[in-house]
């Protein structure tokens, strides 16, 4: 597993078999994670695809961005609760990205591979401690994300 330094680890078989959900404190955030039956590359591609965000995020109803697949520096707007808010992706690597919404540090998103299993991974959302009330929404988002990518396999 990884810390907030952006490195992504590989989970061992024991971790993979301990269940579908994980909730852990990671530095100044809470990591909400879920097993997903798809490859790590496919999961990350879907996480980076702005067209899929309204399908899996319970809070985002629309996205406007010149970049369909985000990268570091991608900017745009998300519609949340009927309000259009600016966003900017602050970091983006092959398995993790973070963003700011309305200038405020928001969630981080990550994909972790399982050792010896290329068709399963763990997808996580890092929630700042100050936004701990958002954890249930993240669990719903991850369930919706899993249903979306597992259906498209």
N, C-alpha and C. Protein backbone atom coordinates (compact mmCIF):
# COMPACT_ATOMS: atom_id res chain seq x y z
N UNK A 1 0.84 -1.17 0.00
CA UNK A 1 0.00 0.00 0.00
C UNK A 1 0.88 1.22 0.00
N UNK A 2 0.30 2.39 -0.22
CA UNK A 2 1.14 3.58 -0.34
C UNK A 2 0.73 4.65 0.64
N UNK A 3 1.62 5.59 0.82
CA UNK A 3 1.33 6.79 1.59
C UNK A 3 0.94 7.91 0.66
N UNK A 4 0.90 9.12 1.16
CA UNK A 4 0.48 10.24 0.35
C UNK A 4 1.61 10.76 -0.53
N UNK A 5 2.71 10.05 -0.60
CA UNK A 5 3.81 10.51 -1.44
C UNK A 5 3.63 10.12 -2.89
N UNK A 6 2.52 9.47 -3.23
CA UNK A 6 2.22 9.15 -4.60
C UNK A 6 2.70 7.79 -5.06
N UNK A 7 3.44 7.06 -4.22
CA UNK A 7 3.87 5.73 -4.63
C UNK A 7 2.74 4.75 -4.37
N UNK A 8 2.58 3.81 -5.27
CA UNK A 8 1.51 2.84 -5.15
C UNK A 8 2.13 1.47 -4.98
N UNK A 9 1.67 0.75 -4.00
CA UNK A 9 2.20 -0.57 -3.74
C UNK A 9 1.35 -1.65 -4.35
N UNK A 10 1.76 -2.88 -4.13
CA UNK A 10 1.01 -4.04 -4.57
C UNK A 10 0.53 -4.74 -3.31
N UNK A 11 -0.74 -5.08 -3.27
CA UNK A 11 -1.32 -5.74 -2.12
C UNK A 11 -1.08 -7.24 -2.20
N UNK A 12 -0.84 -7.85 -1.06
CA UNK A 12 -0.60 -9.29 -1.07
C UNK A 12 -1.92 -10.05 -1.06
N UNK A 13 -1.83 -11.36 -1.28
CA UNK A 13 -3.02 -12.21 -1.37
C UNK A 13 -3.86 -12.13 -0.10
N UNK A 14 -3.22 -12.09 1.08
CA UNK A 14 -3.96 -12.03 2.34
C UNK A 14 -4.81 -10.77 2.40
N UNK A 15 -4.26 -9.64 2.02
CA UNK A 15 -5.02 -8.39 2.02
C UNK A 15 -6.19 -8.51 1.05
N UNK A 16 -5.95 -9.09 -0.10
CA UNK A 16 -6.98 -9.23 -1.13
C UNK A 16 -8.15 -10.08 -0.65
N UNK A 17 -7.89 -11.06 0.21
CA UNK A 17 -8.94 -11.98 0.62
C UNK A 17 -9.65 -11.56 1.90
N UNK A 18 -9.30 -10.42 2.46
CA UNK A 18 -9.91 -10.00 3.71
C UNK A 18 -11.24 -9.28 3.54
N UNK A 19 -11.75 -9.18 2.35
CA UNK A 19 -13.05 -8.57 2.16
C UNK A 19 -13.05 -7.47 1.13
N UNK A 20 -14.23 -6.95 0.88
CA UNK A 20 -14.45 -5.98 -0.18
C UNK A 20 -14.08 -4.57 0.21
N UNK A 21 -14.29 -4.18 1.45
CA UNK A 21 -14.10 -2.80 1.89
C UNK A 21 -12.89 -2.63 2.78
N UNK A 22 -12.28 -1.46 2.68
CA UNK A 22 -11.21 -1.08 3.60
C UNK A 22 -11.40 0.38 3.95
N UNK A 23 -11.15 0.72 5.18
CA UNK A 23 -11.22 2.09 5.66
C UNK A 23 -10.02 2.28 6.57
N UNK A 24 -9.16 3.25 6.25
CA UNK A 24 -7.93 3.42 7.03
C UNK A 24 -7.54 4.89 7.04
N UNK A 25 -6.86 5.29 8.11
CA UNK A 25 -6.30 6.63 8.15
C UNK A 25 -4.97 6.60 7.41
N UNK A 26 -4.78 7.57 6.53
CA UNK A 26 -3.55 7.68 5.74
C UNK A 26 -3.05 9.11 5.86
N UNK A 27 -2.19 9.38 6.84
CA UNK A 27 -1.70 10.75 7.05
C UNK A 27 -2.83 11.65 7.50
N UNK A 28 -3.08 12.69 6.73
CA UNK A 28 -4.14 13.65 7.05
C UNK A 28 -5.43 13.33 6.32
N UNK A 29 -5.60 12.08 5.89
CA UNK A 29 -6.81 11.68 5.18
C UNK A 29 -7.32 10.34 5.68
N UNK A 30 -8.54 10.06 5.28
CA UNK A 30 -9.14 8.75 5.47
C UNK A 30 -9.18 8.10 4.09
N UNK A 31 -8.68 6.89 3.97
CA UNK A 31 -8.73 6.15 2.72
C UNK A 31 -9.93 5.23 2.75
N UNK A 32 -10.85 5.43 1.83
CA UNK A 32 -12.00 4.55 1.64
C UNK A 32 -11.69 3.75 0.38
N UNK A 33 -11.62 2.43 0.49
CA UNK A 33 -11.21 1.62 -0.65
C UNK A 33 -12.12 0.42 -0.81
N UNK A 34 -12.17 -0.06 -2.05
CA UNK A 34 -13.05 -1.18 -2.38
C UNK A 34 -12.39 -2.03 -3.45
N UNK A 35 -12.59 -3.34 -3.34
CA UNK A 35 -12.12 -4.25 -4.38
C UNK A 35 -13.00 -4.09 -5.62
N UNK A 36 -12.34 -4.11 -6.79
CA UNK A 36 -13.04 -4.01 -8.07
C UNK A 36 -12.51 -5.10 -8.98
N UNK A 37 -13.43 -5.81 -9.65
CA UNK A 37 -13.03 -6.90 -10.55
C UNK A 37 -12.77 -6.35 -11.95
N UNK A 38 -11.62 -5.70 -12.10
CA UNK A 38 -11.11 -5.26 -13.39
C UNK A 38 -9.62 -5.02 -13.23
N UNK A 39 -8.93 -4.86 -14.32
CA UNK A 39 -7.48 -4.63 -14.24
C UNK A 39 -7.19 -3.25 -13.66
N UNK A 40 -6.05 -3.08 -13.02
CA UNK A 40 -5.69 -1.75 -12.51
C UNK A 40 -5.68 -0.69 -13.62
N UNK A 41 -5.19 -1.04 -14.80
CA UNK A 41 -5.14 -0.08 -15.91
C UNK A 41 -6.54 0.35 -16.33
N UNK A 42 -7.47 -0.59 -16.42
CA UNK A 42 -8.85 -0.25 -16.80
C UNK A 42 -9.51 0.60 -15.73
N UNK A 43 -9.26 0.29 -14.47
CA UNK A 43 -9.84 1.08 -13.38
C UNK A 43 -9.32 2.52 -13.43
N UNK A 44 -8.02 2.68 -13.61
CA UNK A 44 -7.46 4.04 -13.65
C UNK A 44 -7.96 4.81 -14.86
N UNK A 45 -8.07 4.15 -16.00
CA UNK A 45 -8.59 4.83 -17.19
C UNK A 45 -10.00 5.38 -16.92
N UNK A 46 -10.83 4.58 -16.26
CA UNK A 46 -12.19 5.03 -15.94
C UNK A 46 -12.19 6.15 -14.91
N UNK A 47 -11.31 6.07 -13.91
CA UNK A 47 -11.22 7.15 -12.91
C UNK A 47 -10.80 8.47 -13.55
N UNK A 48 -9.95 8.40 -14.56
CA UNK A 48 -9.44 9.61 -15.22
C UNK A 48 -10.38 10.14 -16.30
N UNK A 49 -11.42 9.39 -16.66
CA UNK A 49 -12.35 9.77 -17.72
C UNK A 49 -13.46 10.65 -17.17
N UNK A 50 -13.41 11.94 -17.50
CA UNK A 50 -14.40 12.89 -16.96
C UNK A 50 -15.82 12.56 -17.39
N UNK A 51 -15.99 11.84 -18.49
CA UNK A 51 -17.34 11.48 -18.94
C UNK A 51 -18.00 10.46 -18.01
N UNK A 52 -17.19 9.72 -17.24
CA UNK A 52 -17.77 8.72 -16.33
C UNK A 52 -18.09 9.30 -14.96
N UNK A 53 -17.52 10.45 -14.61
CA UNK A 53 -17.70 10.96 -13.25
C UNK A 53 -19.16 11.07 -12.82
N UNK A 54 -20.07 11.64 -13.62
CA UNK A 54 -21.47 11.72 -13.17
C UNK A 54 -22.13 10.35 -13.00
N UNK A 55 -21.62 9.33 -13.70
CA UNK A 55 -22.21 7.98 -13.58
C UNK A 55 -21.87 7.32 -12.26
N UNK A 56 -20.70 7.63 -11.68
CA UNK A 56 -20.33 6.96 -10.43
C UNK A 56 -20.28 7.88 -9.22
N UNK A 57 -20.14 9.16 -9.41
CA UNK A 57 -20.09 10.07 -8.25
C UNK A 57 -21.50 10.48 -7.83
N UNK A 58 -21.86 10.28 -6.57
CA UNK A 58 -23.19 10.70 -6.13
C UNK A 58 -23.33 12.22 -6.01
N UNK A 59 -22.22 12.95 -6.04
CA UNK A 59 -22.32 14.41 -5.88
C UNK A 59 -22.13 15.18 -7.18
N UNK A 60 -21.52 14.59 -8.20
CA UNK A 60 -21.27 15.29 -9.47
C UNK A 60 -22.36 14.92 -10.47
N UNK A 61 -23.04 15.95 -10.99
CA UNK A 61 -24.08 15.70 -11.99
C UNK A 61 -23.65 16.06 -13.40
N UNK A 62 -22.59 16.86 -13.54
CA UNK A 62 -22.09 17.22 -14.87
C UNK A 62 -20.63 17.65 -14.76
N UNK A 63 -19.88 17.49 -15.87
CA UNK A 63 -18.48 17.89 -15.93
C UNK A 63 -18.25 18.63 -17.25
N UNK A 64 -17.52 19.72 -17.17
CA UNK A 64 -17.07 20.43 -18.36
C UNK A 64 -15.55 20.55 -18.27
N UNK A 65 -14.86 20.03 -19.29
CA UNK A 65 -13.40 20.11 -19.33
C UNK A 65 -12.94 19.91 -20.77
N UNK A 66 -11.87 20.57 -21.15
CA UNK A 66 -11.30 20.35 -22.47
C UNK A 66 -10.62 18.98 -22.55
N UNK A 67 -10.26 18.40 -21.41
CA UNK A 67 -9.60 17.10 -21.36
C UNK A 67 -10.60 16.03 -20.95
N UNK A 68 -10.87 15.09 -21.84
CA UNK A 68 -11.73 13.98 -21.45
C UNK A 68 -11.04 13.15 -20.38
N UNK A 69 -9.77 12.81 -20.60
CA UNK A 69 -8.98 12.06 -19.62
C UNK A 69 -8.04 13.04 -18.93
N UNK A 70 -8.22 13.17 -17.64
CA UNK A 70 -7.46 14.16 -16.89
C UNK A 70 -5.97 13.86 -16.88
N UNK A 71 -5.20 14.89 -16.65
CA UNK A 71 -3.76 14.83 -16.46
C UNK A 71 -3.44 15.95 -15.48
N UNK A 72 -2.22 15.99 -15.00
CA UNK A 72 -1.85 17.07 -14.10
C UNK A 72 -2.07 18.40 -14.82
N UNK A 73 -2.77 19.31 -14.16
CA UNK A 73 -3.06 20.62 -14.74
C UNK A 73 -4.41 20.73 -15.41
N UNK A 74 -5.11 19.61 -15.61
CA UNK A 74 -6.44 19.67 -16.22
C UNK A 74 -7.34 20.56 -15.37
N UNK A 75 -8.08 21.43 -16.04
CA UNK A 75 -9.04 22.32 -15.37
C UNK A 75 -10.41 22.14 -16.00
N UNK A 76 -11.40 22.57 -15.29
CA UNK A 76 -12.76 22.52 -15.80
C UNK A 76 -13.73 22.91 -14.72
N UNK A 77 -14.96 22.46 -14.89
CA UNK A 77 -16.03 22.73 -13.92
C UNK A 77 -16.81 21.45 -13.66
N UNK A 78 -17.23 21.27 -12.42
CA UNK A 78 -18.14 20.19 -12.05
C UNK A 78 -19.40 20.82 -11.49
N UNK A 79 -20.54 20.19 -11.76
CA UNK A 79 -21.81 20.65 -11.19
C UNK A 79 -22.09 19.77 -9.97
N UNK A 80 -22.18 20.42 -8.81
CA UNK A 80 -22.42 19.74 -7.53
C UNK A 80 -23.57 20.46 -6.84
N UNK A 81 -24.63 19.72 -6.56
CA UNK A 81 -25.78 20.33 -5.89
C UNK A 81 -26.35 21.51 -6.67
N UNK A 82 -26.31 21.44 -7.98
CA UNK A 82 -26.86 22.51 -8.81
C UNK A 82 -25.93 23.70 -9.01
N UNK A 83 -24.75 23.65 -8.40
CA UNK A 83 -23.79 24.76 -8.49
C UNK A 83 -22.60 24.31 -9.34
N UNK A 84 -22.18 25.15 -10.25
CA UNK A 84 -21.01 24.87 -11.08
C UNK A 84 -19.76 25.37 -10.36
N UNK A 85 -18.81 24.45 -10.11
CA UNK A 85 -17.60 24.78 -9.37
C UNK A 85 -16.36 24.49 -10.22
N UNK A 86 -15.35 25.37 -10.16
CA UNK A 86 -14.13 25.11 -10.91
C UNK A 86 -13.30 24.02 -10.23
N UNK A 87 -12.58 23.25 -11.06
CA UNK A 87 -11.64 22.27 -10.51
C UNK A 87 -10.33 22.34 -11.27
N UNK A 88 -9.29 21.84 -10.59
CA UNK A 88 -7.97 21.71 -11.21
C UNK A 88 -7.30 20.46 -10.64
N UNK A 89 -6.80 19.60 -11.53
CA UNK A 89 -6.08 18.41 -11.11
C UNK A 89 -4.67 18.83 -10.74
N UNK A 90 -4.28 18.56 -9.50
CA UNK A 90 -2.99 19.03 -8.99
C UNK A 90 -1.87 18.01 -9.15
N UNK A 91 -2.20 16.71 -9.09
CA UNK A 91 -1.22 15.65 -9.35
C UNK A 91 -1.92 14.53 -10.10
N UNK A 92 -1.17 13.89 -10.98
CA UNK A 92 -1.75 12.77 -11.73
C UNK A 92 -0.61 11.86 -12.17
N UNK A 93 -0.66 10.61 -11.71
CA UNK A 93 0.33 9.61 -12.11
C UNK A 93 -0.41 8.42 -12.71
N UNK A 94 0.29 7.35 -12.97
CA UNK A 94 -0.33 6.19 -13.60
C UNK A 94 -1.35 5.49 -12.70
N UNK A 95 -1.28 5.72 -11.38
CA UNK A 95 -2.21 5.04 -10.47
C UNK A 95 -2.83 5.94 -9.41
N UNK A 96 -2.67 7.26 -9.53
CA UNK A 96 -3.19 8.14 -8.49
C UNK A 96 -3.37 9.55 -9.02
N UNK A 97 -4.45 10.23 -8.57
CA UNK A 97 -4.59 11.66 -8.87
C UNK A 97 -5.32 12.37 -7.75
N UNK A 98 -5.03 13.68 -7.64
CA UNK A 98 -5.66 14.57 -6.66
C UNK A 98 -6.15 15.81 -7.37
N UNK A 99 -7.08 16.48 -6.74
CA UNK A 99 -7.60 17.71 -7.32
C UNK A 99 -8.01 18.71 -6.28
N UNK A 100 -8.25 19.94 -6.73
CA UNK A 100 -8.81 21.01 -5.92
C UNK A 100 -10.13 21.40 -6.56
N UNK A 101 -11.15 21.58 -5.75
CA UNK A 101 -12.46 22.02 -6.23
C UNK A 101 -12.77 23.35 -5.55
N UNK A 102 -13.06 24.35 -6.36
CA UNK A 102 -13.29 25.71 -5.87
C UNK A 102 -12.09 26.19 -5.05
N UNK A 103 -10.89 25.75 -5.46
CA UNK A 103 -9.66 26.16 -4.80
C UNK A 103 -9.34 25.42 -3.51
N UNK A 104 -10.20 24.49 -3.11
CA UNK A 104 -10.02 23.76 -1.84
C UNK A 104 -9.51 22.35 -2.15
N UNK A 105 -8.47 21.89 -1.44
CA UNK A 105 -8.01 20.51 -1.66
C UNK A 105 -9.17 19.53 -1.45
N UNK A 106 -9.41 18.70 -2.44
CA UNK A 106 -10.53 17.76 -2.39
C UNK A 106 -9.99 16.34 -2.23
N UNK A 107 -10.63 15.39 -2.84
CA UNK A 107 -10.27 13.99 -2.69
C UNK A 107 -9.09 13.59 -3.56
N UNK A 108 -8.42 12.52 -3.14
CA UNK A 108 -7.43 11.85 -3.96
C UNK A 108 -8.05 10.55 -4.44
N UNK A 109 -7.58 10.04 -5.56
CA UNK A 109 -8.11 8.81 -6.14
C UNK A 109 -6.94 7.90 -6.48
N UNK A 110 -7.04 6.62 -6.14
CA UNK A 110 -5.92 5.72 -6.37
C UNK A 110 -6.40 4.33 -6.77
N UNK A 111 -5.50 3.61 -7.42
CA UNK A 111 -5.73 2.22 -7.79
C UNK A 111 -4.51 1.43 -7.33
N UNK A 112 -4.76 0.32 -6.64
CA UNK A 112 -3.69 -0.54 -6.17
C UNK A 112 -3.88 -1.93 -6.74
N UNK A 113 -2.80 -2.51 -7.24
CA UNK A 113 -2.83 -3.85 -7.83
C UNK A 113 -2.73 -4.91 -6.73
N UNK A 114 -3.28 -6.08 -7.01
CA UNK A 114 -3.09 -7.25 -6.16
C UNK A 114 -1.97 -8.09 -6.76
N UNK A 115 -1.08 -8.57 -5.93
CA UNK A 115 0.02 -9.42 -6.41
C UNK A 115 -0.56 -10.71 -7.00
N UNK A 116 -0.15 -11.03 -8.20
CA UNK A 116 -0.57 -12.27 -8.83
C UNK A 116 -1.98 -12.29 -9.36
N UNK A 117 -2.66 -11.15 -9.43
CA UNK A 117 -4.05 -11.11 -9.92
C UNK A 117 -4.23 -9.86 -10.76
N UNK A 118 -4.08 -9.99 -12.06
CA UNK A 118 -4.13 -8.83 -12.95
C UNK A 118 -5.55 -8.40 -13.31
N UNK A 119 -6.56 -9.16 -12.89
CA UNK A 119 -7.94 -8.82 -13.23
C UNK A 119 -8.75 -8.35 -12.03
N UNK A 120 -8.03 -7.90 -10.99
CA UNK A 120 -8.69 -7.40 -9.79
C UNK A 120 -7.79 -6.34 -9.20
N UNK A 121 -8.38 -5.32 -8.58
CA UNK A 121 -7.59 -4.28 -7.95
C UNK A 121 -8.41 -3.66 -6.82
N UNK A 122 -7.76 -2.75 -6.12
CA UNK A 122 -8.46 -2.00 -5.08
C UNK A 122 -8.45 -0.54 -5.50
N UNK A 123 -9.62 0.07 -5.54
CA UNK A 123 -9.77 1.47 -5.90
C UNK A 123 -10.10 2.23 -4.62
N UNK A 124 -9.40 3.34 -4.41
CA UNK A 124 -9.58 4.10 -3.19
C UNK A 124 -9.79 5.58 -3.43
N UNK A 125 -10.51 6.17 -2.50
CA UNK A 125 -10.71 7.62 -2.47
C UNK A 125 -10.17 8.12 -1.15
N UNK A 126 -9.26 9.08 -1.21
CA UNK A 126 -8.67 9.68 -0.02
C UNK A 126 -9.47 10.92 0.33
N UNK A 127 -10.00 10.94 1.54
CA UNK A 127 -10.85 12.03 2.00
C UNK A 127 -10.10 12.81 3.08
N UNK A 128 -9.96 14.13 2.92
CA UNK A 128 -9.32 14.93 3.98
C UNK A 128 -10.06 14.74 5.31
N UNK A 129 -9.32 14.70 6.42
CA UNK A 129 -9.96 14.51 7.73
C UNK A 129 -11.05 15.54 8.00
N UNK A 130 -10.86 16.75 7.51
CA UNK A 130 -11.86 17.81 7.72
C UNK A 130 -13.18 17.50 7.01
N UNK A 131 -13.16 16.57 6.06
CA UNK A 131 -14.37 16.21 5.31
C UNK A 131 -14.81 14.78 5.60
N UNK A 132 -14.56 14.32 6.83
CA UNK A 132 -14.86 12.93 7.18
C UNK A 132 -16.33 12.57 6.95
N UNK A 133 -17.21 13.54 7.00
CA UNK A 133 -18.64 13.30 6.75
C UNK A 133 -18.91 12.86 5.32
N UNK A 134 -17.93 13.01 4.43
CA UNK A 134 -18.08 12.63 3.03
C UNK A 134 -17.79 11.13 2.79
N UNK A 135 -17.33 10.42 3.82
CA UNK A 135 -16.98 9.00 3.69
C UNK A 135 -18.16 8.16 3.17
N UNK A 136 -19.38 8.30 3.70
CA UNK A 136 -20.49 7.49 3.15
C UNK A 136 -20.73 7.74 1.65
N UNK A 137 -20.59 8.98 1.22
CA UNK A 137 -20.74 9.28 -0.21
C UNK A 137 -19.64 8.60 -1.01
N UNK A 138 -18.45 8.51 -0.46
CA UNK A 138 -17.34 7.83 -1.15
C UNK A 138 -17.61 6.34 -1.27
N UNK A 139 -18.18 5.74 -0.23
CA UNK A 139 -18.54 4.32 -0.31
C UNK A 139 -19.56 4.10 -1.42
N UNK A 140 -20.58 4.97 -1.50
CA UNK A 140 -21.56 4.85 -2.58
C UNK A 140 -20.89 5.03 -3.94
N UNK A 141 -19.98 6.02 -4.02
CA UNK A 141 -19.27 6.27 -5.28
C UNK A 141 -18.48 5.03 -5.72
N UNK A 142 -17.80 4.40 -4.79
CA UNK A 142 -17.00 3.22 -5.13
C UNK A 142 -17.87 2.04 -5.54
N UNK A 143 -19.03 1.87 -4.91
CA UNK A 143 -19.96 0.82 -5.34
C UNK A 143 -20.44 1.09 -6.76
N UNK A 144 -20.80 2.34 -7.04
CA UNK A 144 -21.26 2.71 -8.38
C UNK A 144 -20.13 2.56 -9.40
N UNK A 145 -18.91 2.94 -9.00
CA UNK A 145 -17.76 2.81 -9.89
C UNK A 145 -17.53 1.34 -10.24
N UNK A 146 -17.56 0.48 -9.22
CA UNK A 146 -17.34 -0.96 -9.44
C UNK A 146 -18.41 -1.50 -10.39
N UNK A 147 -19.66 -1.15 -10.17
CA UNK A 147 -20.73 -1.63 -11.06
C UNK A 147 -20.49 -1.17 -12.49
N UNK A 148 -20.05 0.04 -12.66
CA UNK A 148 -19.79 0.59 -14.00
C UNK A 148 -18.65 -0.15 -14.71
N UNK A 149 -17.50 -0.28 -14.05
CA UNK A 149 -16.36 -0.90 -14.74
C UNK A 149 -16.50 -2.42 -14.85
N UNK A 150 -17.14 -3.05 -13.89
CA UNK A 150 -17.32 -4.49 -13.96
C UNK A 150 -18.34 -4.86 -15.05
N UNK A 151 -19.31 -4.00 -15.27
CA UNK A 151 -20.30 -4.21 -16.35
C UNK A 151 -19.63 -4.10 -17.71
N UNK A 152 -18.67 -3.19 -17.84
CA UNK A 152 -18.01 -2.93 -19.12
C UNK A 152 -16.89 -3.91 -19.44
N UNK A 153 -16.62 -4.87 -18.57
CA UNK A 153 -15.52 -5.84 -18.79
C UNK A 153 -15.77 -6.69 -19.99
